[in-house]
Amino acid sequence: MFIPFFENLRKHAVPVTLREYLTFLEAMRAGLATYDVEAFYYLARTSMVKDERNIDKFDLAFAKTFEGLENISFDQVIEAVDLPAEWLTQMAEKHLSKEEMDEIKALGGFEKLMETLKERLKEQKERHEGGSKWIGTKGTSPFGARGYNPEGVRIGQEKSRHQRAVKVWDKREFKNFDDTVELGTRNIKMALKRLRRWARDGAHDELDLDGTIRSTAEHGYLDVQTRPERRNAVKVLLFLDVGGSMDPHIKVMEELFSAAKTEFKHMEHFYFHNCLYEGVWKDNRRRWSEQTPTWEVLRTYGHDYKAIFIGDASMSPYEVAYPGGANEHWNEESGETWLRRAREQWKDNIWINPVPRKYWGYTQSIKMIGEIFENQMFPMTLEGLSQGMKELTR
């Protein structure tokens, strides 16, 4: 019965194993999701999804498999109302408050509610909007859509307005966890957490609970102990491409910069345009008046820093390969020369590219910089950034 569901999960790249599928079947046989579609959805998701990055793919596979559950025709509804009273009672106990249960009794209880629905379906021959009796939309009838009645049965509505019926798999609340989508600040923080090396430094401003308990027991009175806060000791240099073809990526760049500032105590950032040359800057408003010589940056920050270059790498090949190739000034040495110097100084280095990977092969300069970085170029997705952080920790 559930084999097509299992096959759809695999087609949507959800890494579900046969063992997990069998666990799901065992749970169904044990009756853990009887009479409840929502419970069935969560049981299946819990059994067969191990990583939150795959929840959105699971939702797509679930929707594909069980497509049409809510698009029931009038004839099908007539058949559906003959469901056992036990089913309706259990559904009511799970989804309705005591007050709502009391209000349903105003129509004569579930049996009367279902009988009335059947009768009105047979009587009604055309679409109806508004009102309080006929099955339709935007009214207060117990039957219909886009209206409100606490005793209601929703029919023919894509999604709920009052959350009386919930099609949870179509909400796709975990879409931004998908490891193939572009990043937001939360996703970036999740990925950057891979690049951690904990150490305690700074002033003693954090409560040491274990030390306080031990010292209090030893002295016989409350002896509060503090310790330096535990911080990420990794040192990061962030080089950010700005201007020109990077303008469409401003938002995600800002999100990455914001996330990195909160994640790393030891972080310095510099801006460049298209490729690294003899000067970088910290303030884009003063990029021509307050540049920092790249040689100074190379001498100032030691080998223990990890260098992350972020840019679309999309430019004329001359800007990478030749002196004088830069489009804003005359560069005495090629961009490739400066990139190789940076990689020599900071052995742990990667390039993050906001351009989707599938387009990289169409731009010569992307391929050139990819070769300079020895294929350590990663797309700006959750999966790509996670892979990049993993590379930096080797």
Protein backbone atom coordinates (compact mmCIF):
# COMPACT_ATOMS: atom_id res chain seq x y z
CA MET A 1 0.00 0.00 0.00
CA PHE A 2 2.77 2.45 0.90
CA ILE A 3 5.32 1.35 -1.68
CA PRO A 4 4.49 4.28 -4.03
CA PHE A 5 5.09 6.61 -1.07
CA PHE A 6 8.50 5.02 -0.46
CA GLU A 7 9.35 5.30 -4.17
CA ASN A 8 8.35 8.99 -4.25
CA LEU A 9 10.57 9.70 -1.27
CA ARG A 10 13.52 8.21 -3.13
CA LYS A 11 12.61 10.13 -6.32
CA HIS A 12 12.62 13.40 -4.33
CA ALA A 13 16.13 12.59 -2.98
CA VAL A 14 15.03 11.87 0.58
CA PRO A 15 17.73 9.45 1.81
CA VAL A 16 15.28 6.96 3.35
CA THR A 17 16.44 3.40 3.88
CA LEU A 18 14.48 0.15 3.79
CA ARG A 19 15.02 -0.20 7.54
CA GLU A 20 13.36 3.16 8.18
CA TYR A 21 10.50 2.27 5.87
CA LEU A 22 9.93 -1.00 7.75
CA THR A 23 9.97 0.92 11.05
CA PHE A 24 7.24 3.17 9.64
CA LEU A 25 5.16 0.11 8.66
CA GLU A 26 5.60 -1.37 12.14
CA ALA A 27 4.36 1.86 13.67
CA MET A 28 1.31 1.82 11.39
CA ARG A 29 0.55 -1.79 12.33
CA ALA A 30 0.79 -0.78 15.99
CA GLY A 31 -1.96 1.79 15.39
CA LEU A 32 0.09 4.88 16.22
CA ALA A 33 -1.67 6.99 13.58
CA THR A 34 -5.17 5.53 13.35
CA TYR A 35 -8.01 7.80 12.17
CA ASP A 36 -5.77 10.86 11.92
CA VAL A 37 -4.18 12.09 8.67
CA GLU A 38 -2.08 14.71 10.47
CA ALA A 39 -0.74 12.10 12.91
CA PHE A 40 0.01 9.86 9.92
CA TYR A 41 2.02 12.67 8.30
CA TYR A 42 4.10 13.31 11.42
CA LEU A 43 4.62 9.60 12.06
CA ALA A 44 5.90 9.13 8.50
CA ARG A 45 8.16 12.19 8.75
CA THR A 46 9.57 11.13 12.11
CA SER A 47 10.24 7.60 10.88
CA MET A 48 11.86 8.43 7.58
CA VAL A 49 13.54 11.85 7.85
CA LYS A 50 16.82 12.02 9.76
CA ASP A 51 17.93 15.53 8.83
CA GLU A 52 15.83 18.71 8.84
CA ARG A 53 17.36 19.67 5.48
CA ASN A 54 15.25 16.88 3.93
CA ILE A 55 11.90 17.87 5.45
CA ASP A 56 10.90 20.04 2.50
CA LYS A 57 11.72 17.21 0.09
CA PHE A 58 9.63 14.90 2.26
CA ASP A 59 6.68 17.33 2.10
CA LEU A 60 6.91 17.41 -1.70
CA ALA A 61 6.98 13.61 -1.88
CA PHE A 62 4.08 13.35 0.57
CA ALA A 63 2.00 15.83 -1.43
CA LYS A 64 2.81 13.97 -4.66
CA THR A 65 1.81 10.60 -3.20
CA PHE A 66 -1.39 11.69 -1.51
CA GLU A 67 -2.39 14.37 -3.98
CA GLY A 68 -6.11 15.02 -4.09
CA LEU A 69 -7.03 14.02 -0.54
CA GLU A 70 -8.70 17.38 0.01
CA ASN A 71 -10.09 17.81 -3.52
CA ILE A 72 -13.03 15.51 -2.90
CA SER A 73 -16.04 15.66 -5.22
CA PHE A 74 -19.58 16.00 -3.90
CA ASP A 75 -20.29 12.33 -4.67
CA GLN A 76 -17.20 11.29 -2.76
CA VAL A 77 -18.25 13.48 0.16
CA ILE A 78 -21.62 11.73 0.26
CA GLU A 79 -19.77 8.43 0.60
CA ALA A 80 -17.35 9.92 3.11
CA VAL A 81 -20.07 10.98 5.53
CA ASP A 82 -20.83 7.32 6.24
CA LEU A 83 -17.60 7.08 8.25
CA PRO A 84 -17.84 5.27 11.61
CA ALA A 85 -18.94 7.32 14.60
CA GLU A 86 -15.78 6.17 16.42
CA TRP A 87 -13.65 7.86 13.74
CA LEU A 88 -15.53 11.14 14.06
CA THR A 89 -15.40 11.03 17.85
CA GLN A 90 -11.64 10.50 17.94
CA MET A 91 -11.11 13.27 15.40
CA ALA A 92 -13.26 15.61 17.45
CA GLU A 93 -11.50 14.84 20.71
CA LYS A 94 -8.12 15.55 19.10
CA HIS A 95 -8.92 18.70 17.13
CA LEU A 96 -11.79 20.46 18.91
CA SER A 97 -11.93 22.25 22.23
CA LYS A 98 -14.66 21.51 24.75
CA GLU A 99 -16.44 24.72 23.77
CA GLU A 100 -16.40 23.73 20.10
CA MET A 101 -17.71 20.26 20.96
CA ASP A 102 -20.59 21.87 22.85
CA GLU A 103 -21.35 24.12 19.88
CA ILE A 104 -21.53 21.13 17.54
CA LYS A 105 -24.28 19.68 19.70
CA ALA A 106 -26.38 22.72 18.72
CA LEU A 107 -26.88 21.10 15.32
CA GLY A 108 -27.74 17.76 16.89
CA GLY A 109 -24.34 16.17 17.17
CA PHE A 110 -22.13 14.54 14.57
CA GLU A 111 -24.78 12.24 13.19
CA LYS A 112 -27.12 15.14 12.51
CA LEU A 113 -24.22 17.18 11.10
CA MET A 114 -23.35 14.44 8.60
CA GLU A 115 -26.97 13.78 7.68
CA THR A 116 -27.56 17.48 7.04
CA LEU A 117 -24.45 17.65 4.88
CA LYS A 118 -25.66 14.71 2.80
CA GLU A 119 -29.10 16.24 2.34
CA ARG A 120 -27.76 19.64 1.28
CA LEU A 121 -25.34 18.07 -1.15
CA LYS A 122 -28.25 16.31 -2.82
CA GLU A 123 -30.43 19.46 -2.83
CA GLN A 124 -27.80 21.91 -4.07
CA LYS A 125 -27.15 21.96 -7.82
CA GLU A 126 -25.12 25.15 -8.27
CA ARG A 127 -22.32 27.24 -6.77
CA HIS A 128 -23.27 29.43 -3.83
CA GLU A 129 -21.43 32.27 -2.06
CA GLY A 130 -22.33 33.78 1.27
CA GLY A 131 -25.31 32.95 3.43
CA SER A 132 -25.78 30.56 6.30
CA LYS A 133 -27.43 27.45 4.81
CA TRP A 134 -26.10 26.30 1.47
CA ILE A 135 -22.74 24.67 0.89
CA GLY A 136 -20.54 27.39 -0.58
CA THR A 137 -17.96 30.05 0.19
CA LYS A 138 -17.56 33.13 2.36
CA GLY A 139 -20.58 32.44 4.51
CA THR A 140 -21.42 31.05 7.93
CA SER A 141 -22.85 27.74 6.74
CA PRO A 142 -21.34 24.72 8.51
CA PHE A 143 -20.40 23.42 5.06
CA GLY A 144 -18.12 25.22 2.62
CA ALA A 145 -14.97 27.26 2.37
CA ARG A 146 -13.48 30.68 3.17
CA GLY A 147 -16.16 31.35 5.76
CA TYR A 148 -16.54 30.59 9.43
CA ASN A 149 -18.68 28.23 11.45
CA PRO A 150 -17.39 26.31 14.47
CA GLU A 151 -19.49 23.30 13.42
CA GLY A 152 -18.14 23.41 9.88
CA VAL A 153 -16.97 20.89 7.35
CA ARG A 154 -14.56 22.48 4.84
CA ILE A 155 -15.14 21.67 1.17
CA GLY A 156 -13.24 22.74 -1.95
CA GLN A 157 -10.79 25.20 -0.40
CA GLU A 158 -7.08 25.17 -1.14
CA LYS A 159 -6.07 26.16 2.38
CA SER A 160 -7.68 27.02 5.68
CA ARG A 161 -8.39 30.57 6.77
CA HIS A 162 -9.41 29.72 10.33
CA GLN A 163 -7.22 26.61 10.77
CA ARG A 164 -10.25 24.34 11.20
CA ALA A 165 -8.65 21.90 8.77
CA VAL A 166 -4.91 21.59 8.42
CA LYS A 167 -3.06 20.30 5.36
CA VAL A 168 0.32 20.40 7.03
CA TRP A 169 2.40 18.93 4.21
CA ASP A 170 1.43 21.76 1.87
CA LYS A 171 2.56 24.44 4.33
CA ARG A 172 6.20 23.51 3.62
CA GLU A 173 7.33 25.38 6.73
CA PHE A 174 10.82 23.88 6.41
CA LYS A 175 11.43 25.03 2.85
CA ASN A 176 14.38 27.20 3.86
CA PHE A 177 16.09 24.19 5.49
CA ASP A 178 16.44 22.52 2.10
CA ASP A 179 20.16 22.19 1.35
CA THR A 180 19.65 23.26 -2.28
CA VAL A 181 18.11 26.68 -1.62
CA GLU A 182 19.94 29.97 -1.21
CA LEU A 183 20.76 30.97 2.31
CA GLY A 184 19.15 33.25 4.84
CA THR A 185 20.81 34.45 8.05
CA ARG A 186 19.53 31.50 10.08
CA ASN A 187 20.73 28.96 7.51
CA ILE A 188 24.13 30.62 7.30
CA LYS A 189 24.57 30.41 11.07
CA MET A 190 23.70 26.72 10.94
CA ALA A 191 26.39 26.14 8.32
CA LEU A 192 29.03 28.31 10.01
CA LYS A 193 28.68 26.31 13.22
CA ARG A 194 30.76 23.63 11.53
CA LEU A 195 33.74 25.97 11.72
CA ARG A 196 34.25 25.98 15.48
CA ARG A 197 37.09 25.54 17.92
CA TRP A 198 35.96 26.33 21.42
CA ALA A 199 38.14 28.14 23.97
CA ARG A 200 37.52 30.20 27.09
CA ASP A 201 38.84 33.73 26.99
CA GLY A 202 38.07 37.23 28.17
CA ALA A 203 36.85 38.42 31.58
CA HIS A 204 35.31 36.04 34.10
CA ASP A 205 31.74 36.95 33.26
CA GLU A 206 29.99 33.58 32.94
CA LEU A 207 28.52 31.58 35.85
CA ASP A 208 30.46 28.40 36.50
CA LEU A 209 27.64 26.25 37.86
CA ASP A 210 29.72 23.13 38.54
CA GLY A 211 32.43 25.22 40.20
CA THR A 212 29.86 27.07 42.32
CA ILE A 213 28.31 23.80 43.56
CA ARG A 214 31.73 22.32 44.36
CA SER A 215 33.00 25.46 46.13
CA THR A 216 29.76 25.90 48.09
CA ALA A 217 29.95 22.28 49.29
CA GLU A 218 33.57 22.74 50.35
CA HIS A 219 33.07 26.02 52.24
CA GLY A 220 29.60 25.51 53.68
CA TYR A 221 28.19 28.75 52.27
CA LEU A 222 27.15 30.02 48.84
CA ASP A 223 30.37 30.67 46.93
CA VAL A 224 29.58 31.85 43.41
CA GLN A 225 32.27 31.04 40.87
CA THR A 226 32.63 32.59 37.41
CA ARG A 227 34.76 31.77 34.42
CA PRO A 228 35.59 33.25 30.99
CA GLU A 229 32.86 32.81 28.41
CA ARG A 230 33.26 29.92 26.00
CA ARG A 231 33.84 31.38 22.55
CA ASN A 232 34.64 30.19 19.09
CA ALA A 233 38.42 30.58 18.83
CA VAL A 234 38.60 30.22 15.04
CA LYS A 235 40.14 33.23 13.26
CA VAL A 236 38.54 34.24 9.98
CA LEU A 237 39.42 36.65 7.19
CA LEU A 238 36.43 37.49 5.00
CA PHE A 239 37.10 38.95 1.52
CA LEU A 240 33.89 40.24 -0.07
CA ASP A 241 33.42 41.12 -3.74
CA VAL A 242 31.28 44.25 -4.22
CA GLY A 243 29.82 46.21 -7.15
CA GLY A 244 28.92 45.38 -10.72
CA SER A 245 27.65 41.85 -11.21
CA MET A 246 27.52 41.34 -7.43
CA ASP A 247 24.69 43.85 -7.00
CA PRO A 248 21.94 41.20 -7.38
CA HIS A 249 23.53 39.26 -4.50
CA ILE A 250 23.68 42.15 -2.02
CA LYS A 251 20.97 40.76 0.26
CA VAL A 252 22.49 37.33 0.72
CA MET A 253 25.94 38.89 1.16
CA GLU A 254 24.60 41.11 3.93
CA GLU A 255 23.02 38.08 5.60
CA LEU A 256 26.25 36.11 5.42
CA PHE A 257 28.26 39.03 6.81
CA SER A 258 25.76 39.47 9.66
CA ALA A 259 25.83 35.78 10.52
CA ALA A 260 29.63 35.62 10.42
CA LYS A 261 29.98 38.60 12.78
CA THR A 262 27.91 36.84 15.44
CA GLU A 263 29.56 33.47 14.94
CA PHE A 264 33.26 34.45 15.06
CA LYS A 265 34.89 36.60 17.72
CA HIS A 266 38.12 36.83 15.71
CA MET A 267 36.99 38.01 12.29
CA GLU A 268 38.28 40.70 9.94
CA HIS A 269 36.68 41.65 6.65
CA PHE A 270 37.89 43.43 3.53
CA TYR A 271 36.21 44.35 0.26
CA PHE A 272 37.52 43.94 -3.28
CA HIS A 273 36.03 44.31 -6.75
CA ASN A 274 35.95 41.31 -9.10
CA CYS A 275 39.41 40.01 -8.20
CA LEU A 276 42.01 40.55 -5.50
CA TYR A 277 44.62 43.20 -6.45
CA GLU A 278 47.15 45.39 -4.62
CA GLY A 279 44.54 47.16 -2.45
CA VAL A 280 41.45 46.27 -0.39
CA TRP A 281 39.14 48.38 1.79
CA LYS A 282 36.79 48.19 4.78
CA ASP A 283 34.37 51.02 3.93
CA ASN A 284 32.78 51.03 0.49
CA ARG A 285 32.08 54.75 0.77
CA ARG A 286 35.84 55.37 1.00
CA ARG A 287 37.11 52.67 -1.30
CA TRP A 288 39.32 55.12 -3.22
CA SER A 289 40.55 57.25 -0.33
CA GLU A 290 41.16 54.67 2.41
CA GLN A 291 42.47 51.52 0.82
CA THR A 292 44.67 49.07 2.71
CA PRO A 293 47.62 47.65 0.75
CA THR A 294 47.10 43.92 0.23
CA TRP A 295 50.76 43.37 1.20
CA GLU A 296 49.94 44.88 4.61
CA VAL A 297 47.06 42.48 5.08
CA LEU A 298 49.28 39.55 4.13
CA ARG A 299 51.89 40.61 6.70
CA THR A 300 49.43 41.46 9.49
CA TYR A 301 47.32 38.31 9.70
CA GLY A 302 49.13 35.09 10.47
CA HIS A 303 48.91 31.63 8.98
CA ASP A 304 46.37 30.58 11.63
CA TYR A 305 43.64 32.64 9.94
CA LYS A 306 41.17 30.95 7.60
CA ALA A 307 40.47 32.95 4.43
CA ILE A 308 37.01 32.95 2.86
CA PHE A 309 36.57 34.72 -0.49
CA ILE A 310 32.99 35.46 -1.49
CA GLY A 311 32.18 36.61 -5.01
CA ASP A 312 30.56 35.59 -8.28
CA ALA A 313 33.97 35.31 -10.01
CA SER A 314 32.28 36.70 -13.13
CA MET A 315 34.52 39.11 -15.05
CA SER A 316 36.73 39.39 -18.08
CA PRO A 317 39.41 36.67 -18.11
CA TYR A 318 41.97 39.48 -18.55
CA GLU A 319 41.11 40.72 -15.04
CA VAL A 320 42.36 37.43 -13.64
CA ALA A 321 45.28 36.63 -15.93
CA TYR A 322 47.03 39.87 -16.99
CA PRO A 323 48.59 43.03 -15.54
CA GLY A 324 46.46 46.00 -16.55
CA GLY A 325 43.40 43.80 -16.90
CA ALA A 326 41.42 45.37 -14.03
CA ASN A 327 38.44 47.38 -15.23
CA GLU A 328 38.74 50.23 -12.70
CA HIS A 329 42.47 50.91 -12.47
CA TRP A 330 45.85 49.85 -13.80
CA ASN A 331 47.06 46.80 -11.90
CA GLU A 332 50.82 46.20 -12.01
CA GLU A 333 50.35 42.49 -11.25
CA SER A 334 47.60 40.12 -12.30
CA GLY A 335 44.72 39.13 -10.05
CA GLU A 336 45.88 35.52 -10.23
CA THR A 337 49.22 36.55 -8.71
CA TRP A 338 47.52 38.14 -5.69
CA LEU A 339 45.11 35.24 -5.22
CA ARG A 340 47.98 32.75 -5.17
CA ARG A 341 49.85 34.90 -2.62
CA ALA A 342 46.76 34.91 -0.40
CA ARG A 343 46.38 31.13 -0.68
CA GLU A 344 50.05 30.72 0.19
CA GLN A 345 49.72 32.90 3.29
CA TRP A 346 46.45 31.36 4.53
CA LYS A 347 46.59 27.65 3.77
CA ASP A 348 42.98 27.14 4.85
CA ASN A 349 41.02 28.96 2.16
CA ILE A 350 37.89 28.60 0.06
CA TRP A 351 35.84 30.60 -2.46
CA ILE A 352 32.05 30.87 -1.99
CA ASN A 353 30.11 31.68 -5.18
CA PRO A 354 26.49 32.98 -5.10
CA VAL A 355 26.04 31.97 -8.74
CA PRO A 356 24.32 28.54 -8.91
CA ARG A 357 26.80 25.78 -9.71
CA LYS A 358 24.95 24.77 -12.89
CA TYR A 359 26.00 28.07 -14.51
CA TRP A 360 29.69 27.96 -13.62
CA GLY A 361 30.72 26.21 -16.82
CA TYR A 362 29.41 29.08 -18.95
CA THR A 363 31.80 31.73 -17.54
CA GLN A 364 35.50 31.46 -18.31
CA SER A 365 36.62 33.49 -15.29
CA ILE A 366 34.71 31.21 -12.88
CA LYS A 367 36.58 28.22 -14.26
CA MET A 368 39.89 30.10 -13.98
CA ILE A 369 39.39 31.06 -10.33
CA GLY A 370 38.12 27.55 -9.59
CA GLU A 371 41.43 26.21 -10.90
CA ILE A 372 43.42 28.74 -8.86
CA PHE A 373 41.60 27.56 -5.73
CA GLU A 374 42.14 23.93 -6.75
CA ASN A 375 38.40 23.31 -6.99
CA GLN A 376 37.77 24.64 -3.49
CA MET A 377 34.89 26.76 -4.81
CA PHE A 378 31.47 26.12 -3.28
CA PRO A 379 27.95 27.40 -4.12
CA MET A 380 26.18 29.67 -1.65
CA THR A 381 23.65 27.09 -0.50
CA LEU A 382 23.34 25.39 2.87
CA GLU A 383 24.99 22.28 1.48
CA GLY A 384 27.69 24.28 -0.30
CA LEU A 385 28.55 26.41 2.69
CA SER A 386 28.56 23.35 4.97
CA GLN A 387 30.99 21.64 2.59
CA GLY A 388 33.17 24.74 2.58
CA MET A 389 33.30 24.89 6.37
CA LYS A 390 34.17 21.20 6.45
CA GLU A 391 37.03 21.85 4.02
CA LEU A 392 38.38 24.62 6.27
CA THR A 393 38.48 22.31 9.31
CA ARG A 394 40.67 19.67 7.66
